[in-house]
């Protein structure tokens, strides 16, 4: 999916590995960045846990062509409290 030029792709395999790719375009003084790799995942009920990813996803919708993943994390930094929530919506393209 793409939002403001951000690209994220995941390819979940039957052997519990997942190939991932992320591209974040340049913004302000930050240069564009991209990362890709392979990690493992496990599914526990409606939780999708990607190894080396700090917060588990909650699966909101999962069917043959659509996957909606909910993610929330909280952090406290320099006296400020930040809560971030996101829903990533993926659609099978082929």
PDB file of N, CA and C in Angstrom:
ATOM      1  N   UNK A   1       0.822  -1.186   0.000  1.00  0.00           N
ATOM      2  CA  UNK A   1       0.000   0.000   0.000  1.00  0.00           C
ATOM      3  C   UNK A   1       0.870   1.255   0.000  1.00  0.00           C
ATOM      4  N   UNK A   2       0.318   2.367  -0.411  1.00  0.00           N
ATOM      5  CA  UNK A   2       1.079   3.600  -0.483  1.00  0.00           C
ATOM      6  C   UNK A   2       0.285   4.736   0.141  1.00  0.00           C
ATOM      7  N   UNK A   3       0.927   5.466   1.034  1.00  0.00           N
ATOM      8  CA  UNK A   3       0.308   6.642   1.634  1.00  0.00           C
ATOM      9  C   UNK A   3       1.369   7.718   1.648  1.00  0.00           C
ATOM     10  N   UNK A   4       1.146   8.798   0.921  1.00  0.00           N
ATOM     11  CA  UNK A   4       2.112   9.884   0.836  1.00  0.00           C
ATOM     12  C   UNK A   4       3.466   9.376   0.369  1.00  0.00           C
ATOM     13  N   UNK A   5       3.461   8.375  -0.516  1.00  0.00           N
ATOM     14  CA  UNK A   5       4.705   7.874  -1.081  1.00  0.00           C
ATOM     15  C   UNK A   5       5.382   6.786  -0.283  1.00  0.00           C
ATOM     16  N   UNK A   6       4.871   6.457   0.902  1.00  0.00           N
ATOM     17  CA  UNK A   6       5.448   5.353   1.679  1.00  0.00           C
ATOM     18  C   UNK A   6       4.969   4.040   1.064  1.00  0.00           C
ATOM     19  N   UNK A   7       5.889   3.115   0.875  1.00  0.00           N
ATOM     20  CA  UNK A   7       5.549   1.817   0.303  1.00  0.00           C
ATOM     21  C   UNK A   7       5.953   0.736   1.289  1.00  0.00           C
ATOM     22  N   UNK A   8       5.021  -0.171   1.583  1.00  0.00           N
ATOM     23  CA  UNK A   8       5.314  -1.323   2.427  1.00  0.00           C
ATOM     24  C   UNK A   8       4.770  -2.557   1.740  1.00  0.00           C
ATOM     25  N   UNK A   9       5.566  -3.596   1.658  1.00  0.00           N
ATOM     26  CA  UNK A   9       5.072  -4.857   1.126  1.00  0.00           C
ATOM     27  C   UNK A   9       5.492  -5.988   2.056  1.00  0.00           C
ATOM     28  N   UNK A  10       4.634  -6.962   2.183  1.00  0.00           N
ATOM     29  CA  UNK A  10       4.922  -8.179   2.941  1.00  0.00           C
ATOM     30  C   UNK A  10       4.515  -9.366   2.090  1.00  0.00           C
ATOM     31  N   UNK A  11       5.351 -10.389   2.068  1.00  0.00           N
ATOM     32  CA  UNK A  11       5.009 -11.632   1.389  1.00  0.00           C
ATOM     33  C   UNK A  11       5.101 -12.752   2.417  1.00  0.00           C
ATOM     34  N   UNK A  12       3.933 -13.191   2.895  1.00  0.00           N
ATOM     35  CA  UNK A  12       3.876 -14.237   3.916  1.00  0.00           C
ATOM     36  C   UNK A  12       3.923 -15.598   3.243  1.00  0.00           C
ATOM     37  N   UNK A  13       4.823 -16.447   3.707  1.00  0.00           N
ATOM     38  CA  UNK A  13       4.990 -17.779   3.117  1.00  0.00           C
ATOM     39  C   UNK A  13       4.460 -18.841   4.071  1.00  0.00           C
ATOM     40  N   UNK A  14       4.141 -19.998   3.521  1.00  0.00           N
ATOM     41  CA  UNK A  14       3.566 -21.098   4.310  1.00  0.00           C
ATOM     42  C   UNK A  14       4.539 -21.627   5.366  1.00  0.00           C
ATOM     43  N   UNK A  15       5.850 -21.436   5.156  1.00  0.00           N
ATOM     44  CA  UNK A  15       6.837 -21.954   6.119  1.00  0.00           C
ATOM     45  C   UNK A  15       7.115 -20.966   7.257  1.00  0.00           C
ATOM     46  N   UNK A  16       6.203 -19.994   7.440  1.00  0.00           N
ATOM     47  CA  UNK A  16       6.294 -18.982   8.509  1.00  0.00           C
ATOM     48  C   UNK A  16       7.466 -18.015   8.337  1.00  0.00           C
ATOM     49  N   UNK A  17       7.901 -17.821   7.109  1.00  0.00           N
ATOM     50  CA  UNK A  17       8.826 -16.722   6.833  1.00  0.00           C
ATOM     51  C   UNK A  17       8.027 -15.624   6.127  1.00  0.00           C
ATOM     52  N   UNK A  18       8.535 -14.421   6.228  1.00  0.00           N
ATOM     53  CA  UNK A  18       7.896 -13.290   5.561  1.00  0.00           C
ATOM     54  C   UNK A  18       8.998 -12.418   4.954  1.00  0.00           C
ATOM     55  N   UNK A  19       8.847 -12.091   3.676  1.00  0.00           N
ATOM     56  CA  UNK A  19       9.738 -11.141   3.018  1.00  0.00           C
ATOM     57  C   UNK A  19       9.090  -9.768   3.149  1.00  0.00           C
ATOM     58  N   UNK A  20       9.879  -8.764   3.541  1.00  0.00           N
ATOM     59  CA  UNK A  20       9.311  -7.431   3.720  1.00  0.00           C
ATOM     60  C   UNK A  20      10.158  -6.400   2.991  1.00  0.00           C
ATOM     61  N   UNK A  21       9.493  -5.309   2.623  1.00  0.00           N
ATOM     62  CA  UNK A  21      10.157  -4.193   1.963  1.00  0.00           C
ATOM     63  C   UNK A  21       9.467  -2.914   2.417  1.00  0.00           C
ATOM     64  N   UNK A  22      10.243  -1.904   2.768  1.00  0.00           N
ATOM     65  CA  UNK A  22       9.699  -0.605   3.153  1.00  0.00           C
ATOM     66  C   UNK A  22      10.490   0.491   2.445  1.00  0.00           C
ATOM     67  N   UNK A  23       9.767   1.440   1.881  1.00  0.00           N
ATOM     68  CA  UNK A  23      10.384   2.615   1.268  1.00  0.00           C
ATOM     69  C   UNK A  23       9.725   3.853   1.864  1.00  0.00           C
ATOM     70  N   UNK A  24      10.546   4.782   2.354  1.00  0.00           N
ATOM     71  CA  UNK A  24      10.051   6.045   2.892  1.00  0.00           C
ATOM     72  C   UNK A  24      10.711   7.160   2.085  1.00  0.00           C
ATOM     73  N   UNK A  25       9.912   7.984   1.405  1.00  0.00           N
ATOM     74  CA  UNK A  25      10.497   9.029   0.556  1.00  0.00           C
ATOM     75  C   UNK A  25      11.168  10.122   1.387  1.00  0.00           C
ATOM     76  N   UNK A  26      11.996  10.902   0.724  1.00  0.00           N
ATOM     77  CA  UNK A  26      12.656  12.028   1.385  1.00  0.00           C
ATOM     78  C   UNK A  26      11.598  12.991   1.906  1.00  0.00           C
ATOM     79  N   UNK A  27      11.887  13.587   3.067  1.00  0.00           N
ATOM     80  CA  UNK A  27      10.941  14.521   3.663  1.00  0.00           C
ATOM     81  C   UNK A  27      11.736  15.540   4.473  1.00  0.00           C
ATOM     82  N   UNK A  28      11.564  16.795   4.138  1.00  0.00           N
ATOM     83  CA  UNK A  28      12.310  17.826   4.854  1.00  0.00           C
ATOM     84  C   UNK A  28      13.795  17.575   4.737  1.00  0.00           C
ATOM     85  N   UNK A  29      14.474  17.434   5.875  1.00  0.00           N
ATOM     86  CA  UNK A  29      15.920  17.198   5.839  1.00  0.00           C
ATOM     87  C   UNK A  29      16.264  15.712   5.862  1.00  0.00           C
ATOM     88  N   UNK A  30      15.250  14.833   5.907  1.00  0.00           N
ATOM     89  CA  UNK A  30      15.511  13.392   5.922  1.00  0.00           C
ATOM     90  C   UNK A  30      15.618  12.854   4.510  1.00  0.00           C
ATOM     91  N   UNK A  31      16.657  12.065   4.272  1.00  0.00           N
ATOM     92  CA  UNK A  31      16.819  11.434   2.969  1.00  0.00           C
ATOM     93  C   UNK A  31      15.850  10.262   2.850  1.00  0.00           C
ATOM     94  N   UNK A  32      15.573   9.863   1.622  1.00  0.00           N
ATOM     95  CA  UNK A  32      14.750   8.686   1.394  1.00  0.00           C
ATOM     96  C   UNK A  32      15.453   7.465   1.984  1.00  0.00           C
ATOM     97  N   UNK A  33      14.664   6.517   2.452  1.00  0.00           N
ATOM     98  CA  UNK A  33      15.272   5.305   2.994  1.00  0.00           C
ATOM     99  C   UNK A  33      14.469   4.102   2.553  1.00  0.00           C
ATOM    100  N   UNK A  34      15.159   2.979   2.431  1.00  0.00           N
ATOM    101  CA  UNK A  34      14.462   1.744   2.122  1.00  0.00           C
ATOM    102  C   UNK A  34      15.134   0.603   2.868  1.00  0.00           C
ATOM    103  N   UNK A  35      14.331  -0.386   3.202  1.00  0.00           N
ATOM    104  CA  UNK A  35      14.870  -1.561   3.875  1.00  0.00           C
ATOM    105  C   UNK A  35      14.101  -2.769   3.384  1.00  0.00           C
ATOM    106  N   UNK A  36      14.789  -3.900   3.366  1.00  0.00           N
ATOM    107  CA  UNK A  36      14.137  -5.128   2.964  1.00  0.00           C
ATOM    108  C   UNK A  36      14.840  -6.290   3.631  1.00  0.00           C
ATOM    109  N   UNK A  37      14.143  -7.390   3.709  1.00  0.00           N
ATOM    110  CA  UNK A  37      14.741  -8.557   4.327  1.00  0.00           C
ATOM    111  C   UNK A  37      13.719  -9.651   4.510  1.00  0.00           C
ATOM    112  N   UNK A  38      14.128 -10.656   5.246  1.00  0.00           N
ATOM    113  CA  UNK A  38      13.272 -11.797   5.534  1.00  0.00           C
ATOM    114  C   UNK A  38      13.329 -12.048   7.028  1.00  0.00           C
ATOM    115  N   UNK A  39      12.193 -12.309   7.632  1.00  0.00           N
ATOM    116  CA  UNK A  39      12.141 -12.681   9.031  1.00  0.00           C
ATOM    117  C   UNK A  39      11.100 -13.783   9.174  1.00  0.00           C
ATOM    118  N   UNK A  40      10.830 -14.189  10.386  1.00  0.00           N
ATOM    119  CA  UNK A  40       9.825 -15.213  10.603  1.00  0.00           C
ATOM    120  C   UNK A  40       8.620 -14.584  11.291  1.00  0.00           C
ATOM    121  N   UNK A  41       7.493 -15.249  11.182  1.00  0.00           N
ATOM    122  CA  UNK A  41       6.278 -14.773  11.836  1.00  0.00           C
ATOM    123  C   UNK A  41       5.531 -15.945  12.439  1.00  0.00           C
ATOM    124  N   UNK A  42       4.698 -15.624  13.409  1.00  0.00           N
ATOM    125  CA  UNK A  42       3.772 -16.628  13.913  1.00  0.00           C
ATOM    126  C   UNK A  42       2.429 -15.976  14.131  1.00  0.00           C
ATOM    127  N   UNK A  43       1.395 -16.776  14.012  1.00  0.00           N
ATOM    128  CA  UNK A  43       0.036 -16.284  14.217  1.00  0.00           C
ATOM    129  C   UNK A  43      -0.516 -16.953  15.467  1.00  0.00           C
ATOM    130  N   UNK A  44      -0.943 -16.147  16.431  1.00  0.00           N
ATOM    131  CA  UNK A  44      -1.560 -16.638  17.663  1.00  0.00           C
ATOM    132  C   UNK A  44      -2.926 -15.983  17.761  1.00  0.00           C
ATOM    133  N   UNK A  45      -3.970 -16.727  17.462  1.00  0.00           N
ATOM    134  CA  UNK A  45      -5.312 -16.131  17.453  1.00  0.00           C
ATOM    135  C   UNK A  45      -5.364 -15.017  16.439  1.00  0.00           C
ATOM    136  N   UNK A  46      -5.710 -13.801  16.889  1.00  0.00           N
ATOM    137  CA  UNK A  46      -5.758 -12.674  15.958  1.00  0.00           C
ATOM    138  C   UNK A  46      -4.495 -11.828  16.026  1.00  0.00           C
ATOM    139  N   UNK A  47      -3.437 -12.343  16.652  1.00  0.00           N
ATOM    140  CA  UNK A  47      -2.163 -11.626  16.710  1.00  0.00           C
ATOM    141  C   UNK A  47      -1.223 -12.165  15.627  1.00  0.00           C
ATOM    142  N   UNK A  48      -0.567 -11.261  14.941  1.00  0.00           N
ATOM    143  CA  UNK A  48       0.439 -11.626  13.955  1.00  0.00           C
ATOM    144  C   UNK A  48       1.758 -11.066  14.466  1.00  0.00           C
ATOM    145  N   UNK A  49       2.670 -11.942  14.834  1.00  0.00           N
ATOM    146  CA  UNK A  49       3.909 -11.520  15.478  1.00  0.00           C
ATOM    147  C   UNK A  49       5.065 -11.726  14.505  1.00  0.00           C
ATOM    148  N   UNK A  50       5.702 -10.611  14.128  1.00  0.00           N
ATOM    149  CA  UNK A  50       6.857 -10.669  13.241  1.00  0.00           C
ATOM    150  C   UNK A  50       8.111 -10.591  14.093  1.00  0.00           C
ATOM    151  N   UNK A  51       8.999 -11.560  13.931  1.00  0.00           N
ATOM    152  CA  UNK A  51      10.260 -11.555  14.674  1.00  0.00           C
ATOM    153  C   UNK A  51      11.045 -10.300  14.299  1.00  0.00           C
ATOM    154  N   UNK A  52      11.737  -9.727  15.261  1.00  0.00           N
ATOM    155  CA  UNK A  52      12.516  -8.503  15.070  1.00  0.00           C
ATOM    156  C   UNK A  52      11.646  -7.274  14.857  1.00  0.00           C
ATOM    157  N   UNK A  53      10.364  -7.382  15.116  1.00  0.00           N
ATOM    158  CA  UNK A  53       9.482  -6.218  15.054  1.00  0.00           C
ATOM    159  C   UNK A  53       8.948  -6.017  16.464  1.00  0.00           C
ATOM    160  N   UNK A  54       9.074  -4.816  17.023  1.00  0.00           N
ATOM    161  CA  UNK A  54       8.859  -4.651  18.467  1.00  0.00           C
ATOM    162  C   UNK A  54       7.422  -4.811  18.944  1.00  0.00           C
ATOM    163  N   UNK A  55       6.425  -4.635  18.067  1.00  0.00           N
ATOM    164  CA  UNK A  55       5.042  -4.677  18.516  1.00  0.00           C
ATOM    165  C   UNK A  55       4.251  -5.630  17.627  1.00  0.00           C
ATOM    166  N   UNK A  56       3.434  -6.499  18.236  1.00  0.00           N
ATOM    167  CA  UNK A  56       2.641  -7.406  17.401  1.00  0.00           C
ATOM    168  C   UNK A  56       1.519  -6.657  16.687  1.00  0.00           C
ATOM    169  N   UNK A  57       1.136  -7.154  15.532  1.00  0.00           N
ATOM    170  CA  UNK A  57      -0.031  -6.650  14.814  1.00  0.00           C
ATOM    171  C   UNK A  57      -1.261  -7.395  15.300  1.00  0.00           C
ATOM    172  N   UNK A  58      -2.404  -6.742  15.285  1.00  0.00           N
ATOM    173  CA  UNK A  58      -3.679  -7.418  15.477  1.00  0.00           C
ATOM    174  C   UNK A  58      -4.358  -7.495  14.111  1.00  0.00           C
ATOM    175  N   UNK A  59      -4.772  -8.690  13.724  1.00  0.00           N
ATOM    176  CA  UNK A  59      -5.418  -8.881  12.429  1.00  0.00           C
ATOM    177  C   UNK A  59      -6.876  -8.458  12.557  1.00  0.00           C
ATOM    178  N   UNK A  60      -7.275  -7.439  11.817  1.00  0.00           N
ATOM    179  CA  UNK A  60      -8.664  -6.976  11.836  1.00  0.00           C
ATOM    180  C   UNK A  60      -9.477  -7.661  10.748  1.00  0.00           C
ATOM    181  N   UNK A  61      -8.910  -7.794   9.557  1.00  0.00           N
ATOM    182  CA  UNK A  61      -9.575  -8.444   8.430  1.00  0.00           C
ATOM    183  C   UNK A  61      -8.546  -9.349   7.777  1.00  0.00           C
ATOM    184  N   UNK A  62      -8.939 -10.576   7.518  1.00  0.00           N
ATOM    185  CA  UNK A  62      -8.040 -11.492   6.804  1.00  0.00           C
ATOM    186  C   UNK A  62      -8.898 -12.418   5.956  1.00  0.00           C
ATOM    187  N   UNK A  63      -8.776 -12.269   4.642  1.00  0.00           N
ATOM    188  CA  UNK A  63      -9.434 -13.200   3.744  1.00  0.00           C
ATOM    189  C   UNK A  63      -8.539 -13.395   2.536  1.00  0.00           C
ATOM    190  N   UNK A  64      -9.056 -14.003   1.514  1.00  0.00           N
ATOM    191  CA  UNK A  64      -8.223 -14.384   0.381  1.00  0.00           C
ATOM    192  C   UNK A  64      -7.486 -13.206  -0.256  1.00  0.00           C
ATOM    193  N   UNK A  65      -8.123 -12.035  -0.290  1.00  0.00           N
ATOM    194  CA  UNK A  65      -7.525 -10.904  -1.002  1.00  0.00           C
ATOM    195  C   UNK A  65      -7.214  -9.690  -0.146  1.00  0.00           C
ATOM    196  N   UNK A  66      -7.602  -9.682   1.109  1.00  0.00           N
ATOM    197  CA  UNK A  66      -7.484  -8.490   1.931  1.00  0.00           C
ATOM    198  C   UNK A  66      -6.884  -8.827   3.297  1.00  0.00           C
ATOM    199  N   UNK A  67      -5.985  -7.973   3.762  1.00  0.00           N
ATOM    200  CA  UNK A  67      -5.407  -8.115   5.092  1.00  0.00           C
ATOM    201  C   UNK A  67      -5.325  -6.730   5.714  1.00  0.00           C
ATOM    202  N   UNK A  68      -5.983  -6.537   6.858  1.00  0.00           N
ATOM    203  CA  UNK A  68      -5.900  -5.287   7.596  1.00  0.00           C
ATOM    204  C   UNK A  68      -5.205  -5.577   8.916  1.00  0.00           C
ATOM    205  N   UNK A  69      -4.107  -4.864   9.171  1.00  0.00           N
ATOM    206  CA  UNK A  69      -3.318  -5.068  10.384  1.00  0.00           C
ATOM    207  C   UNK A  69      -3.352  -3.813  11.240  1.00  0.00           C
ATOM    208  N   UNK A  70      -3.676  -3.989  12.509  1.00  0.00           N
ATOM    209  CA  UNK A  70      -3.720  -2.883  13.458  1.00  0.00           C
ATOM    210  C   UNK A  70      -2.471  -2.948  14.331  1.00  0.00           C
ATOM    211  N   UNK A  71      -1.896  -1.789  14.573  1.00  0.00           N
ATOM    212  CA  UNK A  71      -0.669  -1.721  15.357  1.00  0.00           C
ATOM    213  C   UNK A  71      -0.763  -0.530  16.297  1.00  0.00           C
ATOM    214  N   UNK A  72      -0.344  -0.730  17.546  1.00  0.00           N
ATOM    215  CA  UNK A  72      -0.345   0.366  18.507  1.00  0.00           C
ATOM    216  C   UNK A  72       0.909   0.264  19.359  1.00  0.00           C
ATOM    217  N   UNK A  73       1.561   1.395  19.571  1.00  0.00           N
ATOM    218  CA  UNK A  73       2.658   1.394  20.533  1.00  0.00           C
ATOM    219  C   UNK A  73       2.636   2.696  21.314  1.00  0.00           C
ATOM    220  N   UNK A  74       3.192   2.619  22.514  1.00  0.00           N
ATOM    221  CA  UNK A  74       3.247   3.766  23.406  1.00  0.00           C
ATOM    222  C   UNK A  74       4.693   3.962  23.830  1.00  0.00           C
ATOM    223  N   UNK A  75       5.106   5.202  23.944  1.00  0.00           N
ATOM    224  CA  UNK A  75       6.475   5.483  24.349  1.00  0.00           C
ATOM    225  C   UNK A  75       6.483   6.776  25.167  1.00  0.00           C
ATOM    226  N   UNK A  76       7.352   6.814  26.138  1.00  0.00           N
ATOM    227  CA  UNK A  76       7.528   8.035  26.918  1.00  0.00           C
ATOM    228  C   UNK A  76       8.941   8.526  26.656  1.00  0.00           C
ATOM    229  N   UNK A  77       9.069   9.802  26.300  1.00  0.00           N
ATOM    230  CA  UNK A  77      10.366  10.344  25.940  1.00  0.00           C
ATOM    231  C   UNK A  77      10.465  11.783  26.416  1.00  0.00           C
ATOM    232  N   UNK A  78      11.472  12.065  27.190  1.00  0.00           N
ATOM    233  CA  UNK A  78      11.733  13.419  27.668  1.00  0.00           C
ATOM    234  C   UNK A  78      10.483  14.071  28.258  1.00  0.00           C
ATOM    235  N   UNK A  79       9.753  13.309  29.068  1.00  0.00           N
ATOM    236  CA  UNK A  79       8.571  13.845  29.726  1.00  0.00           C
ATOM    237  C   UNK A  79       7.315  13.865  28.875  1.00  0.00           C
ATOM    238  N   UNK A  80       7.423  13.498  27.607  1.00  0.00           N
ATOM    239  CA  UNK A  80       6.250  13.448  26.740  1.00  0.00           C
ATOM    240  C   UNK A  80       5.800  12.005  26.579  1.00  0.00           C
ATOM    241  N   UNK A  81       4.511  11.829  26.499  1.00  0.00           N
ATOM    242  CA  UNK A  81       3.921  10.504  26.311  1.00  0.00           C
ATOM    243  C   UNK A  81       3.313  10.455  24.918  1.00  0.00           C
ATOM    244  N   UNK A  82       3.698   9.451  24.149  1.00  0.00           N
ATOM    245  CA  UNK A  82       3.237   9.345  22.768  1.00  0.00           C
ATOM    246  C   UNK A  82       2.578   7.993  22.580  1.00  0.00           C
ATOM    247  N   UNK A  83       1.386   8.012  21.997  1.00  0.00           N
ATOM    248  CA  UNK A  83       0.690   6.784  21.632  1.00  0.00           C
ATOM    249  C   UNK A  83       0.456   6.841  20.132  1.00  0.00           C
ATOM    250  N   UNK A  84       0.889   5.811  19.432  1.00  0.00           N
ATOM    251  CA  UNK A  84       0.742   5.765  17.981  1.00  0.00           C
ATOM    252  C   UNK A  84      -0.107   4.560  17.605  1.00  0.00           C
ATOM    253  N   UNK A  85      -1.141   4.798  16.809  1.00  0.00           N
ATOM    254  CA  UNK A  85      -1.979   3.720  16.320  1.00  0.00           C
ATOM    255  C   UNK A  85      -2.016   3.793  14.802  1.00  0.00           C
ATOM    256  N   UNK A  86      -1.991   2.638  14.159  1.00  0.00           N
ATOM    257  CA  UNK A  86      -2.101   2.631  12.705  1.00  0.00           C
ATOM    258  C   UNK A  86      -2.819   1.380  12.248  1.00  0.00           C
ATOM    259  N   UNK A  87      -3.478   1.496  11.115  1.00  0.00           N
ATOM    260  CA  UNK A  87      -4.068   0.339  10.449  1.00  0.00           C
ATOM    261  C   UNK A  87      -3.460   0.296   9.056  1.00  0.00           C
ATOM    262  N   UNK A  88      -2.754  -0.794   8.771  1.00  0.00           N
ATOM    263  CA  UNK A  88      -2.196  -1.005   7.441  1.00  0.00           C
ATOM    264  C   UNK A  88      -3.147  -1.906   6.679  1.00  0.00           C
ATOM    265  N   UNK A  89      -3.589  -1.456   5.506  1.00  0.00           N
ATOM    266  CA  UNK A  89      -4.535  -2.213   4.698  1.00  0.00           C
ATOM    267  C   UNK A  89      -3.830  -2.716   3.440  1.00  0.00           C
ATOM    268  N   UNK A  90      -3.817  -4.036   3.303  1.00  0.00           N
ATOM    269  CA  UNK A  90      -3.153  -4.667   2.164  1.00  0.00           C
ATOM    270  C   UNK A  90      -4.171  -5.383   1.309  1.00  0.00           C
ATOM    271  N   UNK A  91      -3.941  -5.333   0.004  1.00  0.00           N
ATOM    272  CA  UNK A  91      -4.815  -6.005  -0.943  1.00  0.00           C
ATOM    273  C   UNK A  91      -3.950  -6.828  -1.882  1.00  0.00           C
ATOM    274  N   UNK A  92      -4.348  -8.075  -2.096  1.00  0.00           N
ATOM    275  CA  UNK A  92      -3.585  -8.943  -3.007  1.00  0.00           C
ATOM    276  C   UNK A  92      -3.691  -8.385  -4.424  1.00  0.00           C
ATOM    277  N   UNK A  93      -2.536  -8.214  -5.070  1.00  0.00           N
ATOM    278  CA  UNK A  93      -2.517  -7.582  -6.399  1.00  0.00           C
ATOM    279  C   UNK A  93      -2.495  -8.583  -7.541  1.00  0.00           C
ATOM    280  N   UNK A  94      -2.105  -9.826  -7.272  1.00  0.00           N
ATOM    281  CA  UNK A  94      -2.080 -10.799  -8.362  1.00  0.00           C
ATOM    282  C   UNK A  94      -2.506 -12.158  -7.877  1.00  0.00           C
TER     283      UNK A  94
END
